[in-house]
């Protein structure tokens, strides 16, 4: 069963998978947009709440559709006892996503939703580190502590939660933008390296 933070980040996760398949200049533009979005969040903290609505709403809907797909697969496999729960769970998450996307929610609700997401993410990473299931234990431990600290700020001080979220989402967008920009440079170098090889093969033929 997917945890709430996995469902929350479903949309950026899907986008990340498809970005790697795009031409280098499109990848560069995506990275530039992510960088600009991070800077914009630093300057306009209230934009973090809009990003929560988009990420959470779309993520819940997409993950709910995934649950429905799992239910249909189990139904085709003849597992009648196990297909009802994924089906109901999928409907619940789709409904939750539509509520977040379509109904204006108070800022405090969105801040608490972010707190739950950070708690889920931080606790999951901490458990993986304690059980020696992490490939990068020190990195995951630091990220776990950071997530739990962000959750504490959002839960205990919801008034300052928006500012904290703006910093967290802005920093994430900047880091992701830099990572995507590096990916675009790598793809460009590979394309340039492949170009002489393909031209020489045509000349030889």
Protein backbone atom coordinates (compact mmCIF):
# COMPACT_ATOMS: atom_id res chain seq x y z
CA UNK A 1 0.00 0.00 0.00
CA UNK A 2 1.41 3.40 -0.96
CA UNK A 3 2.01 5.86 1.86
CA UNK A 4 0.66 9.40 1.77
CA UNK A 5 4.00 10.97 0.79
CA UNK A 6 4.35 8.55 -2.14
CA UNK A 7 0.87 9.49 -3.34
CA UNK A 8 1.62 13.19 -2.78
CA UNK A 9 4.66 13.09 -5.10
CA UNK A 10 3.04 10.91 -7.80
CA UNK A 11 2.79 13.77 -10.32
CA UNK A 12 6.41 14.98 -10.13
CA UNK A 13 7.56 11.35 -10.12
CA UNK A 14 5.75 10.65 -13.39
CA UNK A 15 7.05 13.87 -14.93
CA UNK A 16 10.58 12.93 -13.89
CA UNK A 17 10.34 9.59 -15.68
CA UNK A 18 9.27 11.21 -18.95
CA UNK A 19 11.73 14.11 -18.82
CA UNK A 20 14.70 11.77 -19.30
CA UNK A 21 13.27 10.67 -22.67
CA UNK A 22 12.94 14.18 -24.12
CA UNK A 23 15.48 16.00 -26.35
CA UNK A 24 18.24 17.83 -24.47
CA UNK A 25 16.89 21.32 -25.19
CA UNK A 26 13.43 20.40 -23.88
CA UNK A 27 15.05 18.93 -20.77
CA UNK A 28 17.00 22.18 -20.35
CA UNK A 29 13.81 24.25 -20.60
CA UNK A 30 12.12 22.03 -18.00
CA UNK A 31 15.07 22.52 -15.66
CA UNK A 32 14.99 26.26 -16.25
CA UNK A 33 11.27 26.32 -15.47
CA UNK A 34 11.88 24.41 -12.24
CA UNK A 35 14.59 26.87 -11.23
CA UNK A 36 12.32 29.82 -11.99
CA UNK A 37 9.52 28.20 -10.03
CA UNK A 38 11.79 27.78 -7.01
CA UNK A 39 12.89 31.42 -7.10
CA UNK A 40 9.26 32.49 -7.50
CA UNK A 41 8.31 30.56 -4.37
CA UNK A 42 11.05 32.32 -2.40
CA UNK A 43 9.56 35.65 -3.48
CA UNK A 44 5.87 34.65 -3.19
CA UNK A 45 5.43 32.25 -0.23
CA UNK A 46 1.69 31.87 -0.77
CA UNK A 47 2.47 30.07 -4.01
CA UNK A 48 3.52 27.08 -1.92
CA UNK A 49 -0.14 26.47 -1.05
CA UNK A 50 -1.06 26.38 -4.74
CA UNK A 51 1.71 23.87 -5.35
CA UNK A 52 0.42 21.71 -2.49
CA UNK A 53 -3.03 21.71 -4.10
CA UNK A 54 -1.63 20.68 -7.49
CA UNK A 55 0.79 18.04 -6.20
CA UNK A 56 -1.59 16.55 -3.63
CA UNK A 57 -4.73 16.69 -5.79
CA UNK A 58 -3.15 15.31 -8.93
CA UNK A 59 -1.06 12.80 -6.97
CA UNK A 60 -4.06 11.43 -5.10
CA UNK A 61 -6.11 11.11 -8.30
CA UNK A 62 -3.29 9.40 -10.23
CA UNK A 63 -2.47 7.01 -7.40
CA UNK A 64 -6.17 6.24 -7.00
CA UNK A 65 -6.36 5.36 -10.68
CA UNK A 66 -3.38 3.07 -10.05
CA UNK A 67 -5.34 1.34 -7.28
CA UNK A 68 -8.24 0.83 -9.66
CA UNK A 69 -5.86 -0.66 -12.21
CA UNK A 70 -4.53 -3.03 -9.54
CA UNK A 71 -8.09 -4.02 -8.66
CA UNK A 72 -8.87 -4.74 -12.31
CA UNK A 73 -5.69 -6.82 -12.64
CA UNK A 74 -6.56 -8.88 -9.58
CA UNK A 75 -10.10 -9.33 -10.91
CA UNK A 76 -8.70 -10.74 -14.15
CA UNK A 77 -6.47 -13.03 -12.09
CA UNK A 78 -9.52 -14.35 -10.26
CA UNK A 79 -8.59 -12.98 -6.82
CA UNK A 80 -12.11 -12.00 -5.87
CA UNK A 81 -11.36 -11.64 -2.18
CA UNK A 82 -8.57 -9.14 -2.72
CA UNK A 83 -9.96 -6.98 -5.51
CA UNK A 84 -12.59 -5.09 -3.46
CA UNK A 85 -10.17 -3.30 -1.13
CA UNK A 86 -7.94 -1.76 -3.87
CA UNK A 87 -11.10 -0.71 -5.73
CA UNK A 88 -12.59 1.07 -2.71
CA UNK A 89 -9.21 2.56 -1.80
CA UNK A 90 -8.80 3.91 -5.31
CA UNK A 91 -12.21 5.58 -5.21
CA UNK A 92 -11.41 7.18 -1.85
CA UNK A 93 -8.08 8.62 -3.07
CA UNK A 94 -9.63 9.86 -6.32
CA UNK A 95 -12.37 11.60 -4.35
CA UNK A 96 -9.78 13.13 -2.00
CA UNK A 97 -7.76 14.39 -4.95
CA UNK A 98 -10.79 15.99 -6.58
CA UNK A 99 -11.68 17.70 -3.31
CA UNK A 100 -8.19 19.19 -3.03
CA UNK A 101 -8.18 20.29 -6.68
CA UNK A 102 -11.72 21.63 -7.00
CA UNK A 103 -12.71 22.93 -3.55
CA UNK A 104 -10.87 25.95 -2.08
CA UNK A 105 -9.47 24.68 1.21
CA UNK A 106 -8.31 26.86 4.13
CA UNK A 107 -4.59 27.46 4.21
CA UNK A 108 -4.36 25.75 7.61
CA UNK A 109 -5.77 22.52 6.10
CA UNK A 110 -3.15 22.57 3.34
CA UNK A 111 -0.37 23.22 5.86
CA UNK A 112 -1.52 20.27 7.99
CA UNK A 113 -1.70 18.12 4.86
CA UNK A 114 1.91 19.03 4.13
CA UNK A 115 2.79 18.18 7.75
CA UNK A 116 1.30 14.69 7.32
CA UNK A 117 3.27 14.25 4.12
CA UNK A 118 6.55 15.24 5.76
CA UNK A 119 5.84 12.98 8.76
CA UNK A 120 5.15 10.05 6.45
CA UNK A 121 8.30 10.69 4.41
CA UNK A 122 10.54 11.27 7.41
CA UNK A 123 9.26 8.30 9.38
CA UNK A 124 9.58 5.97 6.37
CA UNK A 125 13.20 6.98 5.75
CA UNK A 126 14.03 6.71 9.47
CA UNK A 127 12.62 3.18 9.66
CA UNK A 128 14.61 2.16 6.56
CA UNK A 129 17.81 3.50 8.13
CA UNK A 130 17.16 1.76 11.47
CA UNK A 131 16.44 -1.54 9.70
CA UNK A 132 19.55 -1.20 7.51
CA UNK A 133 17.41 -1.14 4.36
CA UNK A 134 18.86 2.13 3.08
CA UNK A 135 21.50 2.34 0.35
CA UNK A 136 22.60 5.80 1.59
CA UNK A 137 21.92 5.75 5.36
CA UNK A 138 23.51 9.08 6.27
CA UNK A 139 21.78 10.90 3.44
CA UNK A 140 18.42 9.33 4.26
CA UNK A 141 18.92 10.07 7.95
CA UNK A 142 19.53 13.76 7.25
CA UNK A 143 16.52 13.92 4.92
CA UNK A 144 14.41 12.17 7.54
CA UNK A 145 15.40 14.68 10.20
CA UNK A 146 14.71 17.56 7.82
CA UNK A 147 11.26 16.18 6.93
CA UNK A 148 10.35 15.71 10.59
CA UNK A 149 11.52 19.23 11.46
CA UNK A 150 9.42 20.65 8.60
CA UNK A 151 6.44 18.63 9.83
CA UNK A 152 6.91 20.00 13.34
CA UNK A 153 6.95 23.59 12.08
CA UNK A 154 3.80 23.01 10.01
CA UNK A 155 1.92 21.23 12.81
CA UNK A 156 2.96 23.34 15.80
CA UNK A 157 3.21 26.72 14.07
CA UNK A 158 0.73 26.63 11.18
CA UNK A 159 0.92 30.42 10.94
CA UNK A 160 4.56 30.20 9.87
CA UNK A 161 3.97 26.96 8.00
CA UNK A 162 3.40 28.76 4.71
CA UNK A 163 6.80 30.43 4.90
CA UNK A 164 8.46 27.14 5.82
CA UNK A 165 6.71 25.35 2.96
CA UNK A 166 7.71 28.09 0.52
CA UNK A 167 11.34 27.61 1.51
CA UNK A 168 11.08 23.79 1.35
CA UNK A 169 9.28 23.68 -2.00
CA UNK A 170 11.43 26.48 -3.41
CA UNK A 171 14.63 24.71 -2.42
CA UNK A 172 13.31 21.44 -3.84
CA UNK A 173 12.44 23.13 -7.14
CA UNK A 174 15.87 24.74 -7.39
CA UNK A 175 17.67 21.46 -6.68
CA UNK A 176 15.48 19.57 -9.15
CA UNK A 177 16.05 22.28 -11.75
CA UNK A 178 19.83 22.02 -11.32
CA UNK A 179 19.63 18.24 -11.59
CA UNK A 180 17.57 18.45 -14.78
CA UNK A 181 19.95 21.07 -16.22
CA UNK A 182 22.88 18.72 -15.63
CA UNK A 183 20.87 15.96 -17.33
CA UNK A 184 20.33 18.20 -20.37
CA UNK A 185 24.07 18.88 -20.65
CA UNK A 186 24.75 15.15 -20.44
CA UNK A 187 22.22 14.43 -23.19
CA UNK A 188 23.75 17.20 -25.36
CA UNK A 189 27.25 15.74 -24.98
CA UNK A 190 25.98 12.29 -25.88
CA UNK A 191 24.23 13.69 -28.96
CA UNK A 192 27.38 15.54 -30.01
CA UNK A 193 29.48 12.41 -29.50
CA UNK A 194 27.05 10.32 -31.53
CA UNK A 195 26.90 12.81 -34.42
CA UNK A 196 30.50 12.29 -35.71
CA UNK A 197 30.12 8.53 -35.41
CA UNK A 198 26.93 8.52 -37.47
CA UNK A 199 28.40 10.86 -40.10
CA UNK A 200 31.56 8.76 -40.43
CA UNK A 201 29.49 5.62 -40.87
CA UNK A 202 27.51 7.28 -43.67
CA UNK A 203 30.76 8.36 -45.39
CA UNK A 204 32.16 4.83 -45.14
CA UNK A 205 29.03 3.41 -46.72
